[in-house]
Protein backbone atom coordinates (compact mmCIF):
# COMPACT_ATOMS: atom_id res chain seq x y z
CA MET A 1 -25.33 -4.47 -1.41
CA ASN A 2 -27.35 -1.94 -0.09
CA ARG A 3 -28.43 1.30 -2.02
CA ASN A 4 -28.31 3.45 1.31
CA LEU A 5 -25.08 2.48 0.97
CA VAL A 6 -24.91 3.37 -2.55
CA GLN A 7 -26.86 6.27 -2.43
CA GLY A 8 -24.67 7.59 0.42
CA LEU A 9 -21.31 7.36 -1.85
CA GLN A 10 -22.79 8.97 -4.73
CA VAL A 11 -23.93 12.10 -2.86
CA ALA A 12 -20.39 11.72 -1.20
CA TRP A 13 -18.99 12.06 -4.62
CA GLY A 14 -21.10 14.93 -5.97
CA LEU A 15 -19.27 17.00 -3.48
CA PRO A 16 -16.48 18.81 -4.79
CA GLU A 17 -14.76 18.27 -1.28
CA PHE A 18 -14.76 14.85 -1.30
CA ARG A 19 -13.17 14.56 -4.61
CA THR A 20 -10.50 17.05 -4.29
CA GLY A 21 -9.96 15.05 -0.87
CA LEU A 22 -9.53 11.89 -2.91
CA ARG A 23 -8.29 13.12 -6.77
CA HIS A 24 -4.47 12.03 -5.70
CA LEU A 25 -5.44 8.54 -4.56
CA ILE A 26 -7.31 6.44 -6.30
CA ASP A 27 -9.04 6.85 -10.07
CA LEU A 28 -11.89 9.11 -9.48
CA ASP A 29 -13.26 7.99 -13.27
CA GLU A 30 -13.62 3.64 -12.15
CA VAL A 31 -15.43 4.36 -9.07
CA ALA A 32 -18.17 6.56 -10.54
CA ALA A 33 -18.51 3.92 -13.62
CA LEU A 34 -18.86 1.53 -10.40
CA LEU A 35 -21.13 3.70 -8.39
CA ALA A 36 -23.87 4.69 -12.16
CA THR A 37 -23.81 0.77 -12.67
CA LEU A 38 -24.62 0.10 -9.41
CA SER A 39 -27.40 2.90 -9.04
CA VAL A 40 -29.29 0.62 -11.52
CA PRO A 41 -31.89 -1.56 -10.01
CA ASP A 42 -30.55 -5.12 -12.04
CA HIS A 43 -27.22 -4.89 -11.90
CA ASP A 44 -24.73 -7.67 -11.99
CA ARG A 45 -23.05 -9.32 -8.46
CA GLU A 46 -19.72 -9.09 -9.79
CA VAL A 47 -19.66 -5.21 -10.15
CA GLU A 48 -20.67 -5.41 -6.64
CA ARG A 49 -17.93 -7.77 -5.90
CA SER A 50 -15.94 -4.53 -7.57
CA LEU A 51 -17.17 -1.70 -5.82
CA LEU A 52 -16.07 -3.86 -2.42
CA GLY A 53 -12.77 -5.06 -3.60
CA LEU A 54 -12.05 -0.80 -4.54
CA LEU A 55 -13.78 -0.11 -0.81
CA ARG A 56 -11.68 -2.94 1.00
CA SER A 57 -7.96 -1.47 -0.86
CA GLY A 58 -9.39 2.05 -0.14
CA LEU A 59 -9.52 1.06 4.11
CA ASP A 60 -6.45 -0.87 3.54
CA THR A 61 -5.19 1.63 2.31
CA VAL A 62 -3.87 4.42 5.73
CA GLU A 63 -3.65 7.91 3.25
CA ILE A 64 -7.21 6.98 2.19
CA ARG A 65 -8.87 5.95 5.12
CA GLU A 66 -7.82 8.80 6.26
CA ALA A 67 -8.10 11.46 3.95
CA VAL A 68 -12.18 9.90 4.19
CA LEU A 69 -12.43 10.38 7.67
CA LEU A 70 -10.80 13.87 7.59
CA LEU A 71 -13.67 14.61 5.32
CA LEU A 72 -16.48 12.90 7.36
CA GLU A 73 -15.05 15.50 10.27
CA GLN A 74 -16.35 18.19 8.01
CA ASP A 75 -20.05 19.30 8.89
CA GLU A 76 -20.44 19.81 4.38
CA VAL A 77 -19.70 16.66 3.45
CA ARG A 78 -20.89 14.64 6.43
CA ARG A 79 -24.54 16.24 6.97
CA PRO A 80 -24.90 15.62 3.15
CA LEU A 81 -24.35 11.78 3.42
CA VAL A 82 -26.33 11.25 6.39
CA ALA A 83 -29.54 12.63 4.81
CA ALA A 84 -29.08 10.57 1.70
CA ALA A 85 -28.57 7.69 3.93
CA VAL A 86 -31.69 8.23 6.11
CA GLU A 87 -33.93 9.66 3.03
CA PRO A 88 -35.20 6.44 2.72
CA LEU A 89 -36.45 6.14 6.19
CA ALA A 90 -38.72 8.68 6.25
CA ASP A 91 -41.24 6.10 7.40
CA ARG A 92 -39.13 5.93 10.42
CA PRO A 93 -38.57 9.10 11.99
CA GLY A 94 -37.01 7.55 15.36
CA GLN A 95 -34.51 5.54 13.29
CA VAL A 96 -33.57 9.14 11.26
CA ALA A 97 -33.03 11.17 14.22
CA ALA A 98 -31.07 8.79 16.27
CA ILE A 99 -29.13 7.83 13.25
CA THR A 100 -28.15 11.57 12.33
CA SER A 101 -27.75 11.85 16.13
CA ALA A 102 -25.42 9.50 15.90
CA ALA A 103 -23.31 11.32 13.20
CA GLU A 104 -23.11 14.59 14.49
CA ASP A 105 -21.52 13.08 17.70
CA PRO A 106 -17.55 13.47 17.94
CA ALA A 107 -17.33 10.35 19.89
CA VAL A 108 -19.29 7.94 17.62
CA ARG A 109 -16.71 9.10 15.17
CA ARG A 110 -13.67 8.56 17.11
CA GLU A 111 -14.70 5.54 18.18
CA ILE A 112 -15.33 4.85 14.25
CA ARG A 113 -12.25 6.01 13.84
CA ALA A 114 -10.91 3.65 16.38
CA VAL A 115 -12.28 0.26 14.54
CA LEU A 116 -11.59 1.14 11.44
CA ASP A 117 -7.70 1.34 12.20
CA SER A 118 -7.28 -2.09 13.64
CA ALA A 119 -6.47 -4.13 10.34
CA LYS A 120 -7.88 -7.32 12.58
CA VAL A 121 -11.06 -5.74 12.91
CA ARG A 122 -11.45 -4.34 9.26
CA GLU A 123 -10.35 -7.92 8.12
CA LEU A 124 -13.41 -9.34 10.16
CA ILE A 125 -16.01 -6.55 8.66
CA TRP A 126 -14.88 -7.51 5.20
CA GLN A 127 -15.24 -11.20 6.08
CA ALA A 128 -18.70 -10.21 7.88
CA ILE A 129 -19.59 -8.63 4.49
CA GLU A 130 -18.66 -11.24 2.05
CA ASN A 131 -20.91 -13.72 3.85
CA GLN A 132 -23.62 -10.82 3.87
CA VAL A 133 -23.06 -10.38 0.28
CA SER A 134 -23.09 -14.83 -0.22
CA ASP A 135 -26.88 -15.09 2.42
CA ASN A 136 -24.72 -16.32 4.76
CA ARG A 137 -25.85 -15.88 7.99
CA PHE A 138 -24.23 -18.32 10.26
CA GLY A 139 -21.08 -16.43 8.68
CA LEU A 140 -22.24 -12.64 9.61
CA ILE A 141 -23.61 -13.50 12.88
CA ARG A 142 -20.06 -15.43 13.97
CA ARG A 143 -17.49 -12.64 12.83
CA ALA A 144 -20.01 -9.98 14.64
CA ALA A 145 -20.09 -12.29 17.48
CA VAL A 146 -16.02 -12.33 17.41
CA LEU A 147 -16.07 -8.41 16.44
CA PHE A 148 -18.20 -8.02 19.54
CA VAL A 149 -16.52 -9.97 21.85
CA ARG A 150 -13.09 -9.84 20.74
CA HIS A 151 -12.63 -5.91 19.41
CA PRO A 152 -12.66 -3.61 22.88
CA SER A 153 -13.34 -0.65 19.79
CA VAL A 154 -16.52 -2.42 18.96
CA ARG A 155 -17.82 -2.79 21.91
CA ARG A 156 -17.10 0.78 22.36
CA LEU A 157 -18.74 2.03 18.86
CA ALA A 158 -21.82 -0.19 19.50
CA TRP A 159 -22.06 1.31 23.48
CA ALA A 160 -22.11 4.65 21.57
CA MET A 161 -24.44 3.83 18.52
CA ARG A 162 -26.57 2.81 22.20
CA ARG A 163 -26.42 5.55 23.61
CA HIS A 164 -28.36 7.83 21.00
CA GLY A 165 -31.15 4.81 20.34
CA VAL A 166 -29.24 3.43 16.70
CA LEU A 167 -29.05 0.16 18.76
CA ARG A 168 -33.11 0.48 20.09
CA GLU A 169 -34.82 1.80 16.36
CA LEU A 170 -33.03 -0.40 14.24
CA ARG A 171 -34.82 -3.66 16.44
CA ARG A 172 -38.30 -1.56 16.57
CA LYS A 173 -40.75 -3.13 13.90
CA GLN A 174 -42.04 -0.87 11.30
């Protein structure tokens, strides 16, 4: 699992606004235990699958998805998450600037919401994630292609990310 994602989730979990917004929807202790286990370098792959299952059920639950998206609209929640996610990229300032710029753009956040509102798109995203976890590169590429070709919301999100230079910076060699 991407350590930046885990670190970002841990930062979010440390924010009182984030925990308060989700307290009545999910078991906070279960999530805290999973995040603590994931922060250890030699964690079990089953822990990753458990967290992915929890994230999947959270994104498939309308109330949780809406609560998270509303929290991410708040600067005091979003900015520490972005800072944690880009911290390991300090040696790539262009990538840090592009990701930070995209996260601050309300149009990008609207496109993320549009992507996550589609059950078909969420299912393809989870299939791609499962392919990545299973080291199935062909399956990952296939799912990504299907997402891009069949779903206009994904194309709009890609173009929004491109406007901020995220795609260019991801392709750039170190």
